Amino acid sequence: MAPEWRPVFEENGLGTFESLWSLEADWFEPPNHRRGGWSGVARVALQMPDGEQAFIFLKRQENHIRKTWRHPFRGEPTFRAEARNLRLLNTRGIAAPQMVCYAERRSSSGWKVILATLELEGYLPMDRLIEDWRQQDWSGARALRRALIPEVADLLRRFHALKQAHNALHAKHIFIDPDNRTACLIDLEKMRPRLTRHQAMLRDLDTLNRRTRYISRTDRLRFLLAYLEKNRLDPEARRIWKRLVKMQERKPRKR
């Protein structure tokens, strides 16, 4: 638990594993039953010392396991990987939800795991913003879109500099604060290291390109140039552009 948050959790009667696990709260999303177990998310209000409220997303899972090269037989809880990835990004200055608590417990019946992050106040998923822009093609939306393209590109460039790939980089996993014009990555369960930054870049930009609809070719090119920190299509940018086009042609574009 983050040291500055421990007193807050304790004041709210949530300072132990048992209290967090047994907390009765409405599901923010219906629990996901797969991998031989279940996983669910609740939005929980915490009373702060100043009388205000802070909201956290409390994620709980039971026997939700994945096999990895580190744990090829018994596997490990999927939230453990997400917590590890959040910790990395939180300490490297890459915008992602702030992790405030992680706990796991193993018994004869299997794993119980808890992961809590601060709510991203004021943020919206990028796919929702794109849909709004498509339906309301007014000058303010165009200005906001052009301002956000370099912001998202900068976030992903710095993320890939860690030689990490998100591995599920859909528009819904990039959150945008339209007022402050900032971007942040979420849903980091599948994030994995790659041998090179270039591999990480191609993996994620291919997914984002294929899975994002209603973005013009011009804006896609603007994004790539901003990502590469270039103001024109030089030979390197052309190679990457052509590579992404070929990757898209081999796979159908999905929503």
Protein backbone atom coordinates (compact mmCIF):
# COMPACT_ATOMS: atom_id res chain seq x y z
CA MET A 1 0.00 0.00 0.00
CA ALA A 2 1.28 3.46 -0.84
CA PRO A 3 2.44 4.91 2.52
CA GLU A 4 0.50 8.17 2.11
CA TRP A 5 -2.71 6.20 1.51
CA ARG A 6 -2.48 3.76 4.41
CA PRO A 7 -4.00 6.19 6.97
CA VAL A 8 -6.83 6.95 4.54
CA PHE A 9 -7.66 3.28 4.05
CA GLU A 10 -7.49 2.65 7.79
CA GLU A 11 -9.77 5.62 8.57
CA ASN A 12 -12.28 4.18 6.11
CA GLY A 13 -12.13 0.75 7.76
CA LEU A 14 -10.26 -0.74 4.80
CA GLY A 15 -6.80 -1.25 6.25
CA THR A 16 -6.71 -5.06 5.98
CA PHE A 17 -6.95 -7.66 3.26
CA GLU A 18 -10.16 -9.06 4.75
CA SER A 19 -11.90 -5.67 4.85
CA LEU A 20 -11.06 -4.91 1.21
CA TRP A 21 -11.96 -8.39 0.00
CA SER A 22 -15.31 -8.52 1.78
CA LEU A 23 -16.34 -4.91 1.00
CA GLU A 24 -19.87 -4.78 -0.41
CA ALA A 25 -19.86 -2.47 -3.42
CA ASP A 26 -21.71 -2.36 -6.71
CA TRP A 27 -19.75 -3.71 -9.64
CA PHE A 28 -18.55 -0.96 -11.99
CA GLU A 29 -18.33 -3.66 -14.66
CA PRO A 30 -19.88 -7.15 -14.53
CA PRO A 31 -17.38 -9.71 -13.20
CA ASN A 32 -15.39 -11.49 -15.88
CA HIS A 33 -15.48 -15.29 -15.53
CA ARG A 34 -12.60 -16.93 -17.37
CA ARG A 35 -9.17 -18.51 -16.87
CA GLY A 36 -10.77 -20.81 -14.33
CA GLY A 37 -11.77 -17.96 -12.01
CA TRP A 38 -13.36 -14.52 -11.93
CA SER A 39 -12.34 -10.85 -11.88
CA GLY A 40 -14.42 -7.74 -11.13
CA VAL A 41 -14.12 -3.98 -10.58
CA ALA A 42 -15.98 -1.72 -8.14
CA ARG A 43 -15.83 2.09 -7.80
CA VAL A 44 -15.38 2.98 -4.13
CA ALA A 45 -15.54 6.38 -2.40
CA LEU A 46 -12.99 7.13 0.33
CA GLN A 47 -13.45 9.91 2.88
CA MET A 48 -10.36 12.11 2.94
CA PRO A 49 -8.98 14.01 6.00
CA ASP A 50 -10.10 17.33 4.50
CA GLY A 51 -13.70 16.16 4.28
CA GLU A 52 -13.61 15.64 0.52
CA GLN A 53 -14.03 12.31 -1.26
CA ALA A 54 -11.58 10.41 -3.41
CA PHE A 55 -12.61 7.55 -5.65
CA ILE A 56 -10.67 4.37 -6.29
CA PHE A 57 -11.26 1.45 -8.58
CA LEU A 58 -11.10 -1.66 -6.43
CA LYS A 59 -10.32 -4.71 -8.55
CA ARG A 60 -10.71 -8.17 -7.03
CA GLN A 61 -10.05 -11.54 -8.60
CA GLU A 62 -10.08 -15.16 -7.54
CA ASN A 63 -8.12 -17.88 -9.35
CA HIS A 64 -7.67 -15.69 -12.43
CA ILE A 65 -4.32 -17.14 -13.53
CA ARG A 66 -2.09 -16.89 -16.57
CA LYS A 67 1.01 -18.93 -17.39
CA THR A 68 4.27 -17.09 -18.05
CA TRP A 69 7.88 -17.99 -18.72
CA ARG A 70 8.54 -17.25 -15.05
CA HIS A 71 5.61 -19.41 -13.95
CA PRO A 72 5.09 -21.93 -16.78
CA PHE A 73 3.19 -24.55 -14.76
CA ARG A 74 1.22 -22.97 -11.93
CA GLY A 75 0.97 -19.55 -13.53
CA GLU A 76 0.51 -16.27 -11.70
CA PRO A 77 -2.47 -13.97 -10.98
CA THR A 78 -3.11 -11.58 -13.86
CA PHE A 79 -3.37 -8.63 -11.44
CA ARG A 80 0.18 -9.31 -10.28
CA ALA A 81 1.44 -8.57 -13.80
CA GLU A 82 -0.73 -5.45 -13.97
CA ALA A 83 0.55 -4.24 -10.61
CA ARG A 84 4.14 -4.82 -11.72
CA ASN A 85 3.49 -2.84 -14.90
CA LEU A 86 1.74 0.00 -13.07
CA ARG A 87 4.63 0.25 -10.63
CA LEU A 88 7.08 0.52 -13.53
CA LEU A 89 5.13 3.25 -15.32
CA ASN A 90 4.31 5.15 -12.11
CA THR A 91 8.04 5.33 -11.28
CA ARG A 92 9.15 6.20 -14.84
CA GLY A 93 6.80 9.13 -15.34
CA ILE A 94 4.62 7.43 -17.96
CA ALA A 95 0.99 8.49 -17.49
CA ALA A 96 -1.03 5.56 -16.12
CA PRO A 97 -3.46 5.04 -13.23
CA GLN A 98 -1.79 5.52 -9.85
CA MET A 99 -1.63 2.26 -7.94
CA VAL A 100 -2.45 2.74 -4.24
CA CYS A 101 -2.80 -0.85 -3.05
CA TYR A 102 -1.91 -4.38 -4.10
CA ALA A 103 -2.40 -7.57 -2.10
CA GLU A 104 -2.53 -11.27 -2.81
CA ARG A 105 -3.30 -14.29 -0.72
CA ARG A 106 -2.94 -17.95 -1.58
CA SER A 107 -4.68 -20.81 0.20
CA SER A 108 -5.72 -24.37 -0.52
CA SER A 109 -8.63 -22.98 -2.54
CA GLY A 110 -6.35 -20.86 -4.76
CA TRP A 111 -5.50 -17.17 -5.23
CA LYS A 112 -7.35 -14.10 -4.01
CA VAL A 113 -5.92 -10.82 -5.33
CA ILE A 114 -6.72 -7.13 -4.79
CA LEU A 115 -5.54 -4.16 -6.87
CA ALA A 116 -6.68 -0.57 -6.22
CA THR A 117 -5.95 2.49 -8.37
CA LEU A 118 -7.04 6.11 -8.20
CA GLU A 119 -9.87 7.12 -10.50
CA LEU A 120 -8.78 9.08 -13.56
CA GLU A 121 -10.94 12.11 -12.92
CA GLY A 122 -11.89 14.05 -16.04
CA TYR A 123 -10.59 11.42 -18.47
CA LEU A 124 -12.53 9.77 -21.30
CA PRO A 125 -11.63 6.80 -23.51
CA MET A 126 -10.23 7.91 -26.84
CA ASP A 127 -12.68 5.81 -28.86
CA ARG A 128 -15.56 7.76 -27.31
CA LEU A 129 -13.93 11.07 -28.21
CA ILE A 130 -13.35 9.89 -31.78
CA GLU A 131 -17.04 8.99 -32.08
CA ASP A 132 -17.99 12.44 -30.77
CA TRP A 133 -15.66 14.12 -33.24
CA ARG A 134 -17.16 12.12 -36.10
CA GLN A 135 -20.67 13.23 -35.21
CA GLN A 136 -19.75 16.83 -34.42
CA ASP A 137 -17.17 17.91 -36.95
CA TRP A 138 -16.95 21.50 -35.73
CA SER A 139 -13.86 23.69 -35.56
CA GLY A 140 -13.37 23.17 -31.80
CA ALA A 141 -13.31 19.39 -32.25
CA ARG A 142 -10.76 19.68 -35.06
CA ALA A 143 -8.55 21.94 -32.94
CA LEU A 144 -8.75 19.54 -29.99
CA ARG A 145 -7.98 16.56 -32.21
CA ARG A 146 -4.90 18.25 -33.65
CA ALA A 147 -3.72 19.21 -30.17
CA LEU A 148 -4.12 15.67 -28.86
CA ILE A 149 -2.37 13.86 -31.71
CA PRO A 150 1.14 14.95 -30.60
CA GLU A 151 0.22 14.36 -26.94
CA VAL A 152 -0.73 10.71 -27.57
CA ALA A 153 2.28 10.27 -29.86
CA ASP A 154 4.64 11.60 -27.17
CA LEU A 155 3.12 9.30 -24.53
CA LEU A 156 3.58 6.22 -26.71
CA ARG A 157 7.09 7.22 -27.81
CA ARG A 158 8.24 7.53 -24.19
CA PHE A 159 6.46 4.31 -23.28
CA HIS A 160 8.14 2.37 -26.09
CA ALA A 161 11.51 3.83 -25.07
CA LEU A 162 11.23 1.46 -22.10
CA LYS A 163 11.16 -1.41 -24.65
CA GLN A 164 7.66 -2.27 -23.49
CA ALA A 165 4.64 -3.14 -25.64
CA HIS A 166 1.09 -2.61 -24.41
CA ASN A 167 -0.07 -5.60 -26.51
CA ALA A 168 -3.71 -4.48 -26.54
CA LEU A 169 -3.41 -0.88 -27.70
CA HIS A 170 -6.99 -0.15 -28.71
CA ALA A 171 -8.32 3.40 -28.64
CA LYS A 172 -10.44 2.49 -25.58
CA HIS A 173 -7.21 1.82 -23.66
CA ILE A 174 -5.91 5.36 -24.18
CA PHE A 175 -7.67 7.80 -21.86
CA ILE A 176 -7.82 11.51 -22.67
CA ASP A 177 -8.45 14.54 -20.48
CA PRO A 178 -9.93 16.96 -23.05
CA ASP A 179 -9.74 19.98 -20.75
CA ASN A 180 -6.06 19.60 -19.87
CA ARG A 181 -5.22 17.90 -23.18
CA THR A 182 -3.33 15.03 -21.61
CA ALA A 183 -3.27 11.29 -22.34
CA CYS A 184 -2.79 8.18 -20.22
CA LEU A 185 -2.54 4.40 -20.75
CA ILE A 186 -4.85 1.94 -19.01
CA ASP A 187 -5.51 -1.83 -18.96
CA LEU A 188 -1.89 -2.87 -18.64
CA GLU A 189 -2.41 -6.54 -17.85
CA LYS A 190 -0.91 -7.68 -21.18
CA MET A 191 2.04 -5.26 -21.22
CA ARG A 192 5.29 -7.11 -21.93
CA PRO A 193 8.94 -6.24 -22.60
CA ARG A 194 10.32 -6.51 -26.13
CA LEU A 195 13.89 -6.94 -27.26
CA THR A 196 13.94 -3.55 -28.96
CA ARG A 197 12.01 -0.31 -28.97
CA HIS A 198 11.31 -0.83 -32.67
CA GLN A 199 9.57 -4.16 -31.99
CA ALA A 200 7.44 -2.59 -29.29
CA MET A 201 6.53 0.30 -31.61
CA LEU A 202 5.46 -1.91 -34.52
CA ARG A 203 3.43 -4.22 -32.29
CA ASP A 204 1.41 -1.42 -30.73
CA LEU A 205 1.10 0.98 -33.66
CA ASP A 206 -0.13 -1.86 -35.88
CA THR A 207 -2.86 -2.68 -33.37
CA LEU A 208 -3.82 0.96 -32.88
CA ASN A 209 -3.92 1.54 -36.64
CA ARG A 210 -6.13 -1.49 -37.36
CA ARG A 211 -8.41 -1.13 -34.35
CA THR A 212 -9.13 2.59 -34.64
CA ARG A 213 -11.88 3.69 -37.01
CA TYR A 214 -12.99 7.10 -38.28
CA ILE A 215 -9.46 8.58 -38.30
CA SER A 216 -8.38 10.08 -41.62
CA ARG A 217 -5.24 9.07 -43.44
CA THR A 218 -3.96 12.61 -42.90
CA ASP A 219 -4.36 12.39 -39.13
CA ARG A 220 -2.74 8.95 -39.08
CA LEU A 221 0.24 10.42 -40.90
CA ARG A 222 0.33 13.41 -38.52
CA PHE A 223 0.40 10.97 -35.62
CA LEU A 224 3.28 8.93 -37.07
CA LEU A 225 5.35 12.04 -37.78
CA ALA A 226 4.71 13.34 -34.26
CA TYR A 227 5.69 9.93 -32.84
CA LEU A 228 8.94 9.98 -34.83
CA GLU A 229 9.51 13.68 -33.98
CA LYS A 230 9.70 14.60 -37.67
CA ASN A 231 8.00 17.33 -39.67
CA ARG A 232 8.08 15.55 -43.03
CA LEU A 233 8.14 12.09 -44.58
CA ASP A 234 11.83 11.26 -44.74
CA PRO A 235 13.09 7.75 -45.73
CA GLU A 236 12.74 6.36 -42.20
CA ALA A 237 9.17 7.61 -41.82
CA ARG A 238 8.26 6.24 -45.25
CA ARG A 239 9.64 2.79 -44.34
CA ILE A 240 7.62 2.65 -41.15
CA TRP A 241 4.48 3.95 -42.87
CA LYS A 242 4.76 1.31 -45.60
CA ARG A 243 5.42 -1.40 -43.01
CA LEU A 244 2.27 -0.46 -41.07
CA VAL A 245 0.23 -0.44 -44.30
CA LYS A 246 1.48 -3.93 -45.18
CA MET A 247 0.74 -5.20 -41.69
CA GLN A 248 -2.78 -3.78 -41.98
CA GLU A 249 -3.32 -5.46 -45.35
CA ARG A 250 -2.40 -8.85 -43.90
CA LYS A 251 -5.00 -8.49 -41.14
CA PRO A 252 -8.52 -7.13 -41.34
CA ARG A 253 -9.08 -3.78 -39.65
CA LYS A 254 -11.20 -4.24 -36.56
CA ARG A 255 -13.14 -1.87 -34.35
